[in-house]
Amino acid sequence: PVLRIGTSTPGCDPSGDYTWTFFDNMDALEPGLGRQLRARALPLVGGRDTLSIPPGELASSWLLRQGLADLFIGYAHYAKALGSPSDVRYVAIPAEQNILCEYQLAVLDASEEVMRLVKFMLANDGQALLTAAGFLPVSGG
């Protein structure tokens, strides 16, 4: 109950919105737990008036090293970004409590340049880059 939980800012940063949904999922384990977690959460990044993370720093590890939070809930790709060895430990959220978000690709301008980017993102090379960044591969047309 005394741990300070760093998060992104809900309503301003999708990671914060996902974290609040994760807190809601925690109510299945123990009624009221999500409310307790939200009350202890510190929206430290991604908001209009939040901290500026120094260039080249990963928000989660920088905030922890500065003593601004005891743990930080963020994207899964942080595990790869932290590198190894690291003084910051990554712990995966179990699938039962984690959220799954679907990203969509929309095109407003079907110019040649835009369509080249879309084709690249959907082709093997683009999918490999996205997968390396922690995204799941495209699962449908």
C-alpha atoms as a PDB file:
ATOM      1  CA  PRO A   1       0.000   0.000   0.000  1.00  0.00           C
ATOM      2  CA  VAL A   2       2.926   2.409   0.289  1.00  0.00           C
ATOM      3  CA  LEU A   3       4.434   1.835  -3.170  1.00  0.00           C
ATOM      4  CA  ARG A   4       4.287   4.821  -5.519  1.00  0.00           C
ATOM      5  CA  ILE A   5       3.027   3.644  -8.922  1.00  0.00           C
ATOM      6  CA  GLY A   6       4.296   5.717 -11.839  1.00  0.00           C
ATOM      7  CA  THR A   7       2.142   5.810 -14.959  1.00  0.00           C
ATOM      8  CA  SER A   8       1.522   7.808 -18.083  1.00  0.00           C
ATOM      9  CA  THR A   9      -1.331  10.298 -17.910  1.00  0.00           C
ATOM     10  CA  PRO A  10      -4.784   8.913 -18.710  1.00  0.00           C
ATOM     11  CA  GLY A  11      -6.744  11.085 -21.102  1.00  0.00           C
ATOM     12  CA  CYS A  12      -3.512  12.466 -22.568  1.00  0.00           C
ATOM     13  CA  ASP A  13      -1.403   9.391 -23.315  1.00  0.00           C
ATOM     14  CA  PRO A  14      -2.717   5.983 -24.451  1.00  0.00           C
ATOM     15  CA  SER A  15      -0.343   4.217 -22.054  1.00  0.00           C
ATOM     16  CA  GLY A  16      -2.123   5.948 -19.165  1.00  0.00           C
ATOM     17  CA  ASP A  17      -5.517   4.897 -20.533  1.00  0.00           C
ATOM     18  CA  TYR A  18      -4.303   1.299 -20.864  1.00  0.00           C
ATOM     19  CA  THR A  19      -2.952   1.388 -17.303  1.00  0.00           C
ATOM     20  CA  TRP A  20      -6.297   2.545 -15.917  1.00  0.00           C
ATOM     21  CA  THR A  21      -7.993  -0.308 -17.833  1.00  0.00           C
ATOM     22  CA  PHE A  22      -5.432  -2.672 -16.300  1.00  0.00           C
ATOM     23  CA  PHE A  23      -6.382  -1.323 -12.854  1.00  0.00           C
ATOM     24  CA  ASP A  24     -10.041  -2.069 -13.678  1.00  0.00           C
ATOM     25  CA  ASN A  25      -9.034  -5.642 -14.568  1.00  0.00           C
ATOM     26  CA  MET A  26      -7.458  -6.006 -11.141  1.00  0.00           C
ATOM     27  CA  ASP A  27     -10.924  -5.747  -9.572  1.00  0.00           C
ATOM     28  CA  ALA A  28     -11.511  -9.326 -10.775  1.00  0.00           C
ATOM     29  CA  LEU A  29      -8.758 -10.456  -8.394  1.00  0.00           C
ATOM     30  CA  GLU A  30      -9.968  -8.413  -5.471  1.00  0.00           C
ATOM     31  CA  PRO A  31     -12.982  -6.088  -5.516  1.00  0.00           C
ATOM     32  CA  GLY A  32     -11.859  -2.488  -4.996  1.00  0.00           C
ATOM     33  CA  LEU A  33      -8.218  -3.177  -5.889  1.00  0.00           C
ATOM     34  CA  GLY A  34      -8.441  -1.143  -9.100  1.00  0.00           C
ATOM     35  CA  ARG A  35      -9.753   1.873  -7.195  1.00  0.00           C
ATOM     36  CA  GLN A  36      -6.929   1.531  -4.659  1.00  0.00           C
ATOM     37  CA  LEU A  37      -4.303   1.351  -7.428  1.00  0.00           C
ATOM     38  CA  ARG A  38      -5.717   4.389  -9.249  1.00  0.00           C
ATOM     39  CA  ALA A  39      -5.631   6.340  -5.972  1.00  0.00           C
ATOM     40  CA  ARG A  40      -1.905   5.557  -5.553  1.00  0.00           C
ATOM     41  CA  ALA A  41      -0.972   6.078  -9.198  1.00  0.00           C
ATOM     42  CA  LEU A  42       1.218   9.031 -10.100  1.00  0.00           C
ATOM     43  CA  PRO A  43       0.662  10.235 -13.691  1.00  0.00           C
ATOM     44  CA  LEU A  44       4.245  11.357 -14.274  1.00  0.00           C
ATOM     45  CA  VAL A  45       4.570  11.471 -18.078  1.00  0.00           C
ATOM     46  CA  GLY A  46       2.527  12.091 -21.189  1.00  0.00           C
ATOM     47  CA  GLY A  47       0.386  14.875 -19.761  1.00  0.00           C
ATOM     48  CA  ARG A  48       0.242  18.589 -20.414  1.00  0.00           C
ATOM     49  CA  ASP A  49       2.028  19.502 -17.178  1.00  0.00           C
ATOM     50  CA  THR A  50       4.106  16.385 -16.489  1.00  0.00           C
ATOM     51  CA  LEU A  51       7.844  15.970 -16.305  1.00  0.00           C
ATOM     52  CA  SER A  52      10.120  16.277 -19.306  1.00  0.00           C
ATOM     53  CA  ILE A  53      12.262  13.184 -19.658  1.00  0.00           C
ATOM     54  CA  PRO A  54      15.836  14.008 -20.698  1.00  0.00           C
ATOM     55  CA  PRO A  55      16.715  13.145 -24.310  1.00  0.00           C
ATOM     56  CA  GLY A  56      18.022   9.614 -24.687  1.00  0.00           C
ATOM     57  CA  GLU A  57      16.414   8.423 -21.449  1.00  0.00           C
ATOM     58  CA  LEU A  58      13.672   5.818 -21.180  1.00  0.00           C
ATOM     59  CA  ALA A  59      10.862   7.324 -19.096  1.00  0.00           C
ATOM     60  CA  SER A  60      10.321   4.306 -16.849  1.00  0.00           C
ATOM     61  CA  SER A  61      13.923   3.780 -15.828  1.00  0.00           C
ATOM     62  CA  TRP A  62      14.699   7.510 -15.512  1.00  0.00           C
ATOM     63  CA  LEU A  63      11.715   8.079 -13.206  1.00  0.00           C
ATOM     64  CA  LEU A  64      12.682   5.106 -11.044  1.00  0.00           C
ATOM     65  CA  ARG A  65      16.322   6.153 -10.830  1.00  0.00           C
ATOM     66  CA  GLN A  66      15.271   9.679  -9.833  1.00  0.00           C
ATOM     67  CA  GLY A  67      13.238   8.234  -6.949  1.00  0.00           C
ATOM     68  CA  LEU A  68       9.970   9.654  -8.303  1.00  0.00           C
ATOM     69  CA  ALA A  69       8.197   6.279  -8.248  1.00  0.00           C
ATOM     70  CA  ASP A  70       8.784   2.810  -6.827  1.00  0.00           C
ATOM     71  CA  LEU A  71       7.489   1.061  -9.935  1.00  0.00           C
ATOM     72  CA  PHE A  72       6.310   2.157 -13.348  1.00  0.00           C
ATOM     73  CA  ILE A  73       3.644   0.556 -15.513  1.00  0.00           C
ATOM     74  CA  GLY A  74       4.365   0.988 -19.207  1.00  0.00           C
ATOM     75  CA  TYR A  75       4.565  -0.673 -22.569  1.00  0.00           C
ATOM     76  CA  ALA A  76       5.990  -4.183 -22.965  1.00  0.00           C
ATOM     77  CA  HIS A  77       8.677  -2.924 -25.339  1.00  0.00           C
ATOM     78  CA  TYR A  78      10.376  -1.339 -22.324  1.00  0.00           C
ATOM     79  CA  ALA A  79      11.800  -4.798 -21.572  1.00  0.00           C
ATOM     80  CA  LYS A  80      13.886  -4.731 -24.753  1.00  0.00           C
ATOM     81  CA  ALA A  81      14.670  -1.033 -24.426  1.00  0.00           C
ATOM     82  CA  LEU A  82      16.090  -1.501 -20.906  1.00  0.00           C
ATOM     83  CA  GLY A  83      18.785  -3.766 -22.243  1.00  0.00           C
ATOM     84  CA  SER A  84      20.771  -6.205 -20.233  1.00  0.00           C
ATOM     85  CA  PRO A  85      22.193  -5.997 -17.689  1.00  0.00           C
ATOM     86  CA  SER A  86      20.064  -3.289 -16.148  1.00  0.00           C
ATOM     87  CA  ASP A  87      19.501  -2.015 -12.640  1.00  0.00           C
ATOM     88  CA  VAL A  88      15.783  -1.829 -13.511  1.00  0.00           C
ATOM     89  CA  ARG A  89      13.852  -5.083 -13.500  1.00  0.00           C
ATOM     90  CA  TYR A  90      11.034  -5.760 -15.956  1.00  0.00           C
ATOM     91  CA  VAL A  91       8.076  -7.903 -14.877  1.00  0.00           C
ATOM     92  CA  ALA A  92       5.445  -8.964 -17.411  1.00  0.00           C
ATOM     93  CA  ILE A  93       1.791  -8.556 -16.464  1.00  0.00           C
ATOM     94  CA  PRO A  94       0.027 -11.961 -16.592  1.00  0.00           C
ATOM     95  CA  ALA A  95      -2.240 -12.342 -19.630  1.00  0.00           C
ATOM     96  CA  GLU A  96      -5.319 -12.796 -17.421  1.00  0.00           C
ATOM     97  CA  GLN A  97      -4.990  -9.263 -16.039  1.00  0.00           C
ATOM     98  CA  ASN A  98      -3.296  -7.549 -18.946  1.00  0.00           C
ATOM     99  CA  ILE A  99      -5.116  -5.629 -21.612  1.00  0.00           C
ATOM    100  CA  LEU A 100      -5.006  -6.275 -25.319  1.00  0.00           C
ATOM    101  CA  CYS A 101      -5.373  -3.259 -27.538  1.00  0.00           C
ATOM    102  CA  GLU A 102      -5.857  -3.300 -31.267  1.00  0.00           C
ATOM    103  CA  TYR A 103      -4.249  -0.655 -33.400  1.00  0.00           C
ATOM    104  CA  GLN A 104      -5.805   0.313 -36.699  1.00  0.00           C
ATOM    105  CA  LEU A 105      -4.290   1.755 -39.826  1.00  0.00           C
ATOM    106  CA  ALA A 106      -6.315   4.484 -41.511  1.00  0.00           C
ATOM    107  CA  VAL A 107      -5.486   6.468 -44.620  1.00  0.00           C
ATOM    108  CA  LEU A 108      -6.811   9.989 -45.130  1.00  0.00           C
ATOM    109  CA  ASP A 109      -4.546  10.835 -48.049  1.00  0.00           C
ATOM    110  CA  ALA A 110      -4.073   7.999 -50.539  1.00  0.00           C
ATOM    111  CA  SER A 111      -1.157   9.728 -52.209  1.00  0.00           C
ATOM    112  CA  GLU A 112       1.626   7.656 -53.670  1.00  0.00           C
ATOM    113  CA  GLU A 113       3.938   8.415 -50.710  1.00  0.00           C
ATOM    114  CA  VAL A 114       1.326   7.429 -48.132  1.00  0.00           C
ATOM    115  CA  MET A 115       0.463   4.213 -49.928  1.00  0.00           C
ATOM    116  CA  ARG A 116       4.169   3.295 -50.150  1.00  0.00           C
ATOM    117  CA  LEU A 117       4.402   3.640 -46.374  1.00  0.00           C
ATOM    118  CA  VAL A 118       1.237   1.573 -45.852  1.00  0.00           C
ATOM    119  CA  LYS A 119       2.533  -1.184 -48.138  1.00  0.00           C
ATOM    120  CA  PHE A 120       5.888  -1.161 -46.342  1.00  0.00           C
ATOM    121  CA  MET A 121       4.228  -1.402 -42.916  1.00  0.00           C
ATOM    122  CA  LEU A 122       2.133  -4.379 -44.024  1.00  0.00           C
ATOM    123  CA  ALA A 123       4.926  -6.168 -45.908  1.00  0.00           C
ATOM    124  CA  ASN A 124       7.396  -8.566 -44.288  1.00  0.00           C
ATOM    125  CA  ASP A 125      10.110  -5.946 -43.649  1.00  0.00           C
ATOM    126  CA  GLY A 126       7.686  -3.509 -42.016  1.00  0.00           C
ATOM    127  CA  GLN A 127       6.088  -6.255 -39.945  1.00  0.00           C
ATOM    128  CA  ALA A 128       9.533  -7.396 -38.796  1.00  0.00           C
ATOM    129  CA  LEU A 129      10.348  -3.874 -37.575  1.00  0.00           C
ATOM    130  CA  LEU A 130       7.013  -3.543 -35.776  1.00  0.00           C
ATOM    131  CA  THR A 131       7.370  -6.987 -34.188  1.00  0.00           C
ATOM    132  CA  ALA A 132      10.911  -6.107 -33.044  1.00  0.00           C
ATOM    133  CA  ALA A 133       9.399  -3.026 -31.368  1.00  0.00           C
ATOM    134  CA  GLY A 134       6.991  -5.217 -29.409  1.00  0.00           C
ATOM    135  CA  PHE A 135       3.871  -5.164 -31.575  1.00  0.00           C
ATOM    136  CA  LEU A 136       2.096  -8.341 -32.589  1.00  0.00           C
ATOM    137  CA  PRO A 137       2.013  -9.053 -36.331  1.00  0.00           C
ATOM    138  CA  VAL A 138      -0.992  -8.107 -38.442  1.00  0.00           C
ATOM    139  CA  SER A 139      -3.728 -10.643 -37.908  1.00  0.00           C
ATOM    140  CA  GLY A 140      -6.108  -9.864 -40.728  1.00  0.00           C
ATOM    141  CA  GLY A 141      -6.819  -7.923 -43.860  1.00  0.00           C
END
